[in-house]
């Protein structure tokens, strides 16, 4: 029963990390004026602060789920870490 909850939490964190990555990509595309539709405008204007909070909370949650567990490259936790690494790379390196 415990493993089902852990797997569910890993999947939810992966989906949150992926969603956050997609939102940051949408924001970047709006900033460079590649796409200026209403959805991209909404992400740029309204979703910035939740995206920023998630940017710092999600790594803490992902690392907290790794405590006292084996780490596998074929896990949702590793995929979440990859999404976060890409996210930080896009934001802080490519500005």
PDB file of N, CA and C in Angstrom:
ATOM      1  N   UNK A   1       0.820  -1.196   0.000  1.00  0.00           N
ATOM      2  CA  UNK A   1       0.000   0.000   0.000  1.00  0.00           C
ATOM      3  C   UNK A   1       0.867   1.265   0.000  1.00  0.00           C
ATOM      4  N   UNK A   2       1.978   1.223   0.757  1.00  0.00           N
ATOM      5  CA  UNK A   2       2.858   2.381   0.843  1.00  0.00           C
ATOM      6  C   UNK A   2       3.500   2.682  -0.513  1.00  0.00           C
ATOM      7  N   UNK A   3       3.859   1.650  -1.262  1.00  0.00           N
ATOM      8  CA  UNK A   3       4.502   1.849  -2.566  1.00  0.00           C
ATOM      9  C   UNK A   3       3.548   2.492  -3.566  1.00  0.00           C
ATOM     10  N   UNK A   4       2.268   2.202  -3.462  1.00  0.00           N
ATOM     11  CA  UNK A   4       1.292   2.805  -4.372  1.00  0.00           C
ATOM     12  C   UNK A   4       1.237   4.308  -4.141  1.00  0.00           C
ATOM     13  N   UNK A   5       1.248   4.719  -2.861  1.00  0.00           N
ATOM     14  CA  UNK A   5       1.221   6.153  -2.560  1.00  0.00           C
ATOM     15  C   UNK A   5       2.496   6.844  -3.010  1.00  0.00           C
ATOM     16  N   UNK A   6       3.632   6.193  -2.818  1.00  0.00           N
ATOM     17  CA  UNK A   6       4.904   6.780  -3.238  1.00  0.00           C
ATOM     18  C   UNK A   6       4.936   6.939  -4.752  1.00  0.00           C
ATOM     19  N   UNK A   7       4.491   5.929  -5.470  1.00  0.00           N
ATOM     20  CA  UNK A   7       4.455   6.001  -6.933  1.00  0.00           C
ATOM     21  C   UNK A   7       3.495   7.099  -7.397  1.00  0.00           C
ATOM     22  N   UNK A   8       2.350   7.221  -6.743  1.00  0.00           N
ATOM     23  CA  UNK A   8       1.386   8.261  -7.090  1.00  0.00           C
ATOM     24  C   UNK A   8       1.967   9.648  -6.851  1.00  0.00           C
ATOM     25  N   UNK A   9       2.655   9.831  -5.742  1.00  0.00           N
ATOM     26  CA  UNK A   9       3.287  11.115  -5.444  1.00  0.00           C
ATOM     27  C   UNK A   9       4.357  11.440  -6.477  1.00  0.00           C
ATOM     28  N   UNK A  10       5.150  10.439  -6.867  1.00  0.00           N
ATOM     29  CA  UNK A  10       6.174  10.657  -7.887  1.00  0.00           C
ATOM     30  C   UNK A  10       5.558  11.079  -9.219  1.00  0.00           C
ATOM     31  N   UNK A  11       4.469  10.444  -9.595  1.00  0.00           N
ATOM     32  CA  UNK A  11       3.808  10.783 -10.861  1.00  0.00           C
ATOM     33  C   UNK A  11       3.228  12.194 -10.802  1.00  0.00           C
ATOM     34  N   UNK A  12       2.612  12.553  -9.675  1.00  0.00           N
ATOM     35  CA  UNK A  12       2.038  13.891  -9.526  1.00  0.00           C
ATOM     36  C   UNK A  12       3.135  14.954  -9.577  1.00  0.00           C
ATOM     37  N   UNK A  13       4.255  14.714  -8.900  1.00  0.00           N
ATOM     38  CA  UNK A  13       5.357  15.667  -8.950  1.00  0.00           C
ATOM     39  C   UNK A  13       5.927  15.794 -10.356  1.00  0.00           C
ATOM     40  N   UNK A  14       6.012  14.676 -11.075  1.00  0.00           N
ATOM     41  CA  UNK A  14       6.489  14.734 -12.455  1.00  0.00           C
ATOM     42  C   UNK A  14       5.546  15.567 -13.317  1.00  0.00           C
ATOM     43  N   UNK A  15       4.251  15.386 -13.150  1.00  0.00           N
ATOM     44  CA  UNK A  15       3.287  16.167 -13.926  1.00  0.00           C
ATOM     45  C   UNK A  15       3.363  17.657 -13.578  1.00  0.00           C
ATOM     46  N   UNK A  16       3.551  17.974 -12.308  1.00  0.00           N
ATOM     47  CA  UNK A  16       3.692  19.371 -11.908  1.00  0.00           C
ATOM     48  C   UNK A  16       4.963  19.986 -12.481  1.00  0.00           C
ATOM     49  N   UNK A  17       6.064  19.245 -12.450  1.00  0.00           N
ATOM     50  CA  UNK A  17       7.325  19.748 -13.006  1.00  0.00           C
ATOM     51  C   UNK A  17       7.212  19.949 -14.515  1.00  0.00           C
ATOM     52  N   UNK A  18       6.565  19.029 -15.193  1.00  0.00           N
ATOM     53  CA  UNK A  18       6.392  19.151 -16.641  1.00  0.00           C
ATOM     54  C   UNK A  18       5.484  20.326 -16.976  1.00  0.00           C
ATOM     55  N   UNK A  19       4.413  20.491 -16.222  1.00  0.00           N
ATOM     56  CA  UNK A  19       3.505  21.614 -16.448  1.00  0.00           C
ATOM     57  C   UNK A  19       4.226  22.942 -16.218  1.00  0.00           C
ATOM     58  N   UNK A  20       5.024  23.006 -15.172  1.00  0.00           N
ATOM     59  CA  UNK A  20       5.778  24.222 -14.897  1.00  0.00           C
ATOM     60  C   UNK A  20       6.763  24.517 -16.033  1.00  0.00           C
ATOM     61  N   UNK A  21       7.408  23.482 -16.556  1.00  0.00           N
ATOM     62  CA  UNK A  21       8.322  23.663 -17.681  1.00  0.00           C
ATOM     63  C   UNK A  21       7.595  24.189 -18.912  1.00  0.00           C
ATOM     64  N   UNK A  22       6.442  23.635 -19.207  1.00  0.00           N
ATOM     65  CA  UNK A  22       5.663  24.083 -20.368  1.00  0.00           C
ATOM     66  C   UNK A  22       5.221  25.539 -20.187  1.00  0.00           C
ATOM     67  N   UNK A  23       4.820  25.908 -18.978  1.00  0.00           N
ATOM     68  CA  UNK A  23       4.409  27.291 -18.728  1.00  0.00           C
ATOM     69  C   UNK A  23       5.572  28.260 -18.889  1.00  0.00           C
ATOM     70  N   UNK A  24       6.765  27.881 -18.435  1.00  0.00           N
ATOM     71  CA  UNK A  24       7.926  28.755 -18.613  1.00  0.00           C
ATOM     72  C   UNK A  24       8.300  28.876 -20.087  1.00  0.00           C
ATOM     73  N   UNK A  25       8.156  27.801 -20.841  1.00  0.00           N
ATOM     74  CA  UNK A  25       8.418  27.871 -22.282  1.00  0.00           C
ATOM     75  C   UNK A  25       7.405  28.791 -22.952  1.00  0.00           C
ATOM     76  N   UNK A  26       6.132  28.689 -22.551  1.00  0.00           N
ATOM     77  CA  UNK A  26       5.111  29.588 -23.101  1.00  0.00           C
ATOM     78  C   UNK A  26       5.419  31.040 -22.766  1.00  0.00           C
ATOM     79  N   UNK A  27       5.859  31.279 -21.547  1.00  0.00           N
ATOM     80  CA  UNK A  27       6.209  32.650 -21.149  1.00  0.00           C
ATOM     81  C   UNK A  27       7.383  33.161 -21.985  1.00  0.00           C
ATOM     82  N   UNK A  28       8.378  32.318 -22.197  1.00  0.00           N
ATOM     83  CA  UNK A  28       9.522  32.713 -23.009  1.00  0.00           C
ATOM     84  C   UNK A  28       9.140  33.008 -24.448  1.00  0.00           C
ATOM     85  N   UNK A  29       8.248  32.204 -24.998  1.00  0.00           N
ATOM     86  CA  UNK A  29       7.803  32.446 -26.373  1.00  0.00           C
ATOM     87  C   UNK A  29       7.027  33.753 -26.480  1.00  0.00           C
ATOM     88  N   UNK A  30       6.282  34.101 -25.442  1.00  0.00           N
ATOM     89  CA  UNK A  30       5.559  35.372 -25.452  1.00  0.00           C
ATOM     90  C   UNK A  30       6.536  36.546 -25.344  1.00  0.00           C
ATOM     91  N   UNK A  31       7.576  36.386 -24.530  1.00  0.00           N
ATOM     92  CA  UNK A  31       8.540  37.470 -24.336  1.00  0.00           C
ATOM     93  C   UNK A  31       9.275  37.783 -25.636  1.00  0.00           C
ATOM     94  N   UNK A  32       9.673  36.753 -26.384  1.00  0.00           N
ATOM     95  CA  UNK A  32      10.395  36.987 -27.645  1.00  0.00           C
ATOM     96  C   UNK A  32       9.430  37.206 -28.804  1.00  0.00           C
ATOM     97  N   UNK A  33       8.149  37.306 -28.497  1.00  0.00           N
ATOM     98  CA  UNK A  33       7.086  37.608 -29.458  1.00  0.00           C
ATOM     99  C   UNK A  33       6.984  36.593 -30.593  1.00  0.00           C
ATOM    100  N   UNK A  34       7.272  35.333 -30.287  1.00  0.00           N
ATOM    101  CA  UNK A  34       7.067  34.268 -31.261  1.00  0.00           C
ATOM    102  C   UNK A  34       5.595  33.924 -31.365  1.00  0.00           C
ATOM    103  N   UNK A  35       4.913  33.925 -30.221  1.00  0.00           N
ATOM    104  CA  UNK A  35       3.491  33.611 -30.198  1.00  0.00           C
ATOM    105  C   UNK A  35       2.813  34.575 -29.228  1.00  0.00           C
ATOM    106  N   UNK A  36       1.803  35.269 -29.699  1.00  0.00           N
ATOM    107  CA  UNK A  36       1.142  36.263 -28.852  1.00  0.00           C
ATOM    108  C   UNK A  36      -0.347  36.000 -28.695  1.00  0.00           C
ATOM    109  N   UNK A  37      -0.742  34.739 -28.638  1.00  0.00           N
ATOM    110  CA  UNK A  37      -2.159  34.428 -28.469  1.00  0.00           C
ATOM    111  C   UNK A  37      -2.596  34.734 -27.038  1.00  0.00           C
ATOM    112  N   UNK A  38      -3.888  34.592 -26.791  1.00  0.00           N
ATOM    113  CA  UNK A  38      -4.456  34.919 -25.484  1.00  0.00           C
ATOM    114  C   UNK A  38      -3.916  34.016 -24.371  1.00  0.00           C
ATOM    115  N   UNK A  39      -3.727  32.731 -24.675  1.00  0.00           N
ATOM    116  CA  UNK A  39      -3.210  31.821 -23.648  1.00  0.00           C
ATOM    117  C   UNK A  39      -1.794  32.218 -23.240  1.00  0.00           C
ATOM    118  N   UNK A  40      -0.973  32.562 -24.195  1.00  0.00           N
ATOM    119  CA  UNK A  40       0.396  32.970 -23.898  1.00  0.00           C
ATOM    120  C   UNK A  40       0.410  34.296 -23.128  1.00  0.00           C
ATOM    121  N   UNK A  41      -0.496  35.190 -23.470  1.00  0.00           N
ATOM    122  CA  UNK A  41      -0.605  36.464 -22.772  1.00  0.00           C
ATOM    123  C   UNK A  41      -1.032  36.242 -21.322  1.00  0.00           C
ATOM    124  N   UNK A  42      -1.975  35.316 -21.114  1.00  0.00           N
ATOM    125  CA  UNK A  42      -2.426  35.014 -19.753  1.00  0.00           C
ATOM    126  C   UNK A  42      -1.284  34.446 -18.918  1.00  0.00           C
ATOM    127  N   UNK A  43      -0.511  33.533 -19.512  1.00  0.00           N
ATOM    128  CA  UNK A  43       0.630  32.958 -18.791  1.00  0.00           C
ATOM    129  C   UNK A  43       1.622  34.053 -18.429  1.00  0.00           C
ATOM    130  N   UNK A  44       1.860  34.974 -19.359  1.00  0.00           N
ATOM    131  CA  UNK A  44       2.816  36.049 -19.106  1.00  0.00           C
ATOM    132  C   UNK A  44       2.334  36.992 -18.008  1.00  0.00           C
ATOM    133  N   UNK A  45       1.051  37.334 -18.027  1.00  0.00           N
ATOM    134  CA  UNK A  45       0.551  38.340 -17.093  1.00  0.00           C
ATOM    135  C   UNK A  45       0.084  37.778 -15.758  1.00  0.00           C
ATOM    136  N   UNK A  46      -0.612  36.669 -15.775  1.00  0.00           N
ATOM    137  CA  UNK A  46      -1.289  36.187 -14.567  1.00  0.00           C
ATOM    138  C   UNK A  46      -0.589  35.041 -13.845  1.00  0.00           C
ATOM    139  N   UNK A  47       0.111  34.195 -14.543  1.00  0.00           N
ATOM    140  CA  UNK A  47       0.641  32.975 -13.931  1.00  0.00           C
ATOM    141  C   UNK A  47       2.095  33.092 -13.492  1.00  0.00           C
ATOM    142  N   UNK A  48       2.663  34.284 -13.504  1.00  0.00           N
ATOM    143  CA  UNK A  48       4.083  34.429 -13.192  1.00  0.00           C
ATOM    144  C   UNK A  48       4.409  34.055 -11.748  1.00  0.00           C
ATOM    145  N   UNK A  49       3.682  34.597 -10.792  1.00  0.00           N
ATOM    146  CA  UNK A  49       4.007  34.335  -9.392  1.00  0.00           C
ATOM    147  C   UNK A  49       3.784  32.871  -8.985  1.00  0.00           C
ATOM    148  N   UNK A  50       2.694  32.223  -9.386  1.00  0.00           N
ATOM    149  CA  UNK A  50       2.594  30.791  -9.086  1.00  0.00           C
ATOM    150  C   UNK A  50       3.709  29.965  -9.732  1.00  0.00           C
ATOM    151  N   UNK A  51       4.109  30.354 -10.948  1.00  0.00           N
ATOM    152  CA  UNK A  51       5.213  29.645 -11.615  1.00  0.00           C
ATOM    153  C   UNK A  51       6.523  29.864 -10.864  1.00  0.00           C
ATOM    154  N   UNK A  52       6.727  31.067 -10.370  1.00  0.00           N
ATOM    155  CA  UNK A  52       7.945  31.381  -9.628  1.00  0.00           C
ATOM    156  C   UNK A  52       7.986  30.633  -8.300  1.00  0.00           C
ATOM    157  N   UNK A  53       6.854  30.577  -7.596  1.00  0.00           N
ATOM    158  CA  UNK A  53       6.801  29.815  -6.350  1.00  0.00           C
ATOM    159  C   UNK A  53       7.053  28.333  -6.610  1.00  0.00           C
ATOM    160  N   UNK A  54       6.448  27.814  -7.666  1.00  0.00           N
ATOM    161  CA  UNK A  54       6.637  26.400  -8.005  1.00  0.00           C
ATOM    162  C   UNK A  54       8.078  26.109  -8.379  1.00  0.00           C
ATOM    163  N   UNK A  55       8.753  27.085  -8.956  1.00  0.00           N
ATOM    164  CA  UNK A  55      10.141  26.904  -9.353  1.00  0.00           C
ATOM    165  C   UNK A  55      11.040  26.607  -8.164  1.00  0.00           C
ATOM    166  N   UNK A  56      10.702  27.136  -6.997  1.00  0.00           N
ATOM    167  CA  UNK A  56      11.513  26.905  -5.810  1.00  0.00           C
ATOM    168  C   UNK A  56      10.944  25.834  -4.888  1.00  0.00           C
ATOM    169  N   UNK A  57       9.652  25.596  -4.940  1.00  0.00           N
ATOM    170  CA  UNK A  57       9.045  24.578  -4.078  1.00  0.00           C
ATOM    171  C   UNK A  57       9.203  23.172  -4.659  1.00  0.00           C
ATOM    172  N   UNK A  58       9.074  23.033  -5.978  1.00  0.00           N
ATOM    173  CA  UNK A  58       9.136  21.703  -6.589  1.00  0.00           C
ATOM    174  C   UNK A  58      10.460  20.979  -6.356  1.00  0.00           C
ATOM    175  N   UNK A  59      11.627  21.634  -6.472  1.00  0.00           N
ATOM    176  CA  UNK A  59      12.860  20.887  -6.173  1.00  0.00           C
ATOM    177  C   UNK A  59      12.921  20.381  -4.742  1.00  0.00           C
ATOM    178  N   UNK A  60      12.404  21.160  -3.807  1.00  0.00           N
ATOM    179  CA  UNK A  60      12.387  20.728  -2.412  1.00  0.00           C
ATOM    180  C   UNK A  60      11.511  19.483  -2.256  1.00  0.00           C
ATOM    181  N   UNK A  61      10.352  19.499  -2.894  1.00  0.00           N
ATOM    182  CA  UNK A  61       9.450  18.343  -2.796  1.00  0.00           C
ATOM    183  C   UNK A  61      10.042  17.105  -3.465  1.00  0.00           C
ATOM    184  N   UNK A  62      10.675  17.289  -4.613  1.00  0.00           N
ATOM    185  CA  UNK A  62      11.263  16.138  -5.313  1.00  0.00           C
ATOM    186  C   UNK A  62      12.394  15.541  -4.491  1.00  0.00           C
ATOM    187  N   UNK A  63      13.247  16.380  -3.934  1.00  0.00           N
ATOM    188  CA  UNK A  63      14.352  15.869  -3.122  1.00  0.00           C
ATOM    189  C   UNK A  63      13.828  15.246  -1.834  1.00  0.00           C
ATOM    190  N   UNK A  64      12.754  15.797  -1.277  1.00  0.00           N
ATOM    191  CA  UNK A  64      12.175  15.215  -0.062  1.00  0.00           C
ATOM    192  C   UNK A  64      11.621  13.815  -0.328  1.00  0.00           C
ATOM    193  N   UNK A  65      11.128  13.565  -1.528  1.00  0.00           N
ATOM    194  CA  UNK A  65      10.626  12.224  -1.822  1.00  0.00           C
ATOM    195  C   UNK A  65      11.753  11.224  -2.040  1.00  0.00           C
ATOM    196  N   UNK A  66      12.969  11.710  -2.258  1.00  0.00           N
ATOM    197  CA  UNK A  66      14.102  10.810  -2.488  1.00  0.00           C
ATOM    198  C   UNK A  66      14.741  10.321  -1.196  1.00  0.00           C
ATOM    199  N   UNK A  67      14.384  10.911  -0.065  1.00  0.00           N
ATOM    200  CA  UNK A  67      14.991  10.543   1.211  1.00  0.00           C
ATOM    201  C   UNK A  67      14.608   9.105   1.559  1.00  0.00           C
ATOM    202  N   UNK A  68      15.610   8.322   1.952  1.00  0.00           N
ATOM    203  CA  UNK A  68      15.447   6.921   2.366  1.00  0.00           C
ATOM    204  C   UNK A  68      14.865   6.026   1.274  1.00  0.00           C
ATOM    205  N   UNK A  69      15.158   6.350   0.025  1.00  0.00           N
ATOM    206  CA  UNK A  69      14.705   5.500  -1.071  1.00  0.00           C
ATOM    207  C   UNK A  69      15.836   5.302  -2.055  1.00  0.00           C
ATOM    208  N   UNK A  70      15.760   4.194  -2.789  1.00  0.00           N
ATOM    209  CA  UNK A  70      16.737   3.970  -3.844  1.00  0.00           C
ATOM    210  C   UNK A  70      16.397   4.871  -5.021  1.00  0.00           C
ATOM    211  N   UNK A  71      17.429   5.380  -5.653  1.00  0.00           N
ATOM    212  CA  UNK A  71      17.245   6.286  -6.780  1.00  0.00           C
ATOM    213  C   UNK A  71      17.537   5.529  -8.061  1.00  0.00           C
ATOM    214  N   UNK A  72      16.598   5.540  -8.978  1.00  0.00           N
ATOM    215  CA  UNK A  72      16.741   4.831 -10.243  1.00  0.00           C
ATOM    216  C   UNK A  72      16.622   5.810 -11.397  1.00  0.00           C
ATOM    217  N   UNK A  73      17.395   5.563 -12.440  1.00  0.00           N
ATOM    218  CA  UNK A  73      17.327   6.414 -13.626  1.00  0.00           C
ATOM    219  C   UNK A  73      15.996   6.222 -14.350  1.00  0.00           C
ATOM    220  N   UNK A  74      15.371   5.101 -14.180  1.00  0.00           N
ATOM    221  CA  UNK A  74      14.103   4.810 -14.847  1.00  0.00           C
ATOM    222  C   UNK A  74      12.906   5.113 -13.941  1.00  0.00           C
ATOM    223  N   UNK A  75      12.967   6.220 -13.244  1.00  0.00           N
ATOM    224  CA  UNK A  75      11.879   6.558 -12.331  1.00  0.00           C
ATOM    225  C   UNK A  75      11.311   7.928 -12.668  1.00  0.00           C
ATOM    226  N   UNK A  76      10.127   8.185 -12.162  1.00  0.00           N
ATOM    227  CA  UNK A  76       9.506   9.491 -12.350  1.00  0.00           C
ATOM    228  C   UNK A  76      10.267  10.571 -11.580  1.00  0.00           C
ATOM    229  N   UNK A  77      10.926  10.191 -10.499  1.00  0.00           N
ATOM    230  CA  UNK A  77      11.718  11.159  -9.745  1.00  0.00           C
ATOM    231  C   UNK A  77      12.863  11.685 -10.602  1.00  0.00           C
ATOM    232  N   UNK A  78      13.532  10.801 -11.320  1.00  0.00           N
ATOM    233  CA  UNK A  78      14.619  11.225 -12.201  1.00  0.00           C
ATOM    234  C   UNK A  78      14.085  12.113 -13.327  1.00  0.00           C
ATOM    235  N   UNK A  79      12.931  11.765 -13.885  1.00  0.00           N
ATOM    236  CA  UNK A  79      12.326  12.603 -14.920  1.00  0.00           C
ATOM    237  C   UNK A  79      11.962  13.980 -14.365  1.00  0.00           C
ATOM    238  N   UNK A  80      11.486  14.021 -13.131  1.00  0.00           N
ATOM    239  CA  UNK A  80      11.171  15.304 -12.501  1.00  0.00           C
ATOM    240  C   UNK A  80      12.428  16.152 -12.338  1.00  0.00           C
ATOM    241  N   UNK A  81      13.510  15.522 -11.913  1.00  0.00           N
ATOM    242  CA  UNK A  81      14.766  16.247 -11.772  1.00  0.00           C
ATOM    243  C   UNK A  81      15.267  16.760 -13.117  1.00  0.00           C
ATOM    244  N   UNK A  82      15.089  15.970 -14.169  1.00  0.00           N
ATOM    245  CA  UNK A  82      15.482  16.430 -15.504  1.00  0.00           C
ATOM    246  C   UNK A  82      14.642  17.626 -15.938  1.00  0.00           C
ATOM    247  N   UNK A  83      13.343  17.583 -15.696  1.00  0.00           N
ATOM    248  CA  UNK A  83      12.483  18.723 -16.036  1.00  0.00           C
ATOM    249  C   UNK A  83      12.907  19.972 -15.273  1.00  0.00           C
ATOM    250  N   UNK A  84      13.220  19.810 -14.001  1.00  0.00           N
ATOM    251  CA  UNK A  84      13.655  20.954 -13.206  1.00  0.00           C
ATOM    252  C   UNK A  84      14.990  21.497 -13.698  1.00  0.00           C
ATOM    253  N   UNK A  85      15.904  20.605 -14.068  1.00  0.00           N
ATOM    254  CA  UNK A  85      17.203  21.054 -14.582  1.00  0.00           C
ATOM    255  C   UNK A  85      17.031  21.824 -15.892  1.00  0.00           C
ATOM    256  N   UNK A  86      16.192  21.332 -16.779  1.00  0.00           N
ATOM    257  CA  UNK A  86      15.915  22.037 -18.035  1.00  0.00           C
ATOM    258  C   UNK A  86      15.265  23.382 -17.739  1.00  0.00           C
ATOM    259  N   UNK A  87      14.362  23.387 -16.786  1.00  0.00           N
ATOM    260  CA  UNK A  87      13.672  24.618 -16.399  1.00  0.00           C
ATOM    261  C   UNK A  87      14.660  25.672 -15.900  1.00  0.00           C
ATOM    262  N   UNK A  88      15.526  25.299 -14.972  1.00  0.00           N
ATOM    263  CA  UNK A  88      16.517  26.240 -14.454  1.00  0.00           C
ATOM    264  C   UNK A  88      17.485  26.677 -15.551  1.00  0.00           C
ATOM    265  N   UNK A  89      17.846  25.770 -16.442  1.00  0.00           N
ATOM    266  CA  UNK A  89      18.731  26.118 -17.549  1.00  0.00           C
ATOM    267  C   UNK A  89      18.075  27.162 -18.450  1.00  0.00           C
ATOM    268  N   UNK A  90      16.818  26.939 -18.780  1.00  0.00           N
ATOM    269  CA  UNK A  90      16.110  27.895 -19.640  1.00  0.00           C
ATOM    270  C   UNK A  90      15.979  29.267 -18.998  1.00  0.00           C
ATOM    271  N   UNK A  91      15.717  29.289 -17.708  1.00  0.00           N
ATOM    272  CA  UNK A  91      15.461  30.559 -17.035  1.00  0.00           C
ATOM    273  C   UNK A  91      16.748  31.318 -16.729  1.00  0.00           C
ATOM    274  N   UNK A  92      17.714  30.644 -16.131  1.00  0.00           N
ATOM    275  CA  UNK A  92      18.880  31.353 -15.628  1.00  0.00           C
ATOM    276  C   UNK A  92      20.036  31.428 -16.613  1.00  0.00           C
ATOM    277  N   UNK A  93      20.121  30.522 -17.564  1.00  0.00           N
ATOM    278  CA  UNK A  93      21.234  30.539 -18.510  1.00  0.00           C
ATOM    279  C   UNK A  93      20.838  31.237 -19.809  1.00  0.00           C
ATOM    280  N   UNK A  94      19.678  30.925 -20.340  1.00  0.00           N
ATOM    281  CA  UNK A  94      19.290  31.464 -21.636  1.00  0.00           C
ATOM    282  C   UNK A  94      18.584  32.817 -21.556  1.00  0.00           C
ATOM    283  N   UNK A  95      18.084  33.212 -20.416  1.00  0.00           N
ATOM    284  CA  UNK A  95      17.381  34.480 -20.208  1.00  0.00           C
ATOM    285  C   UNK A  95      16.898  35.071 -21.496  1.00  0.00           C
TER     286      UNK A  95
END
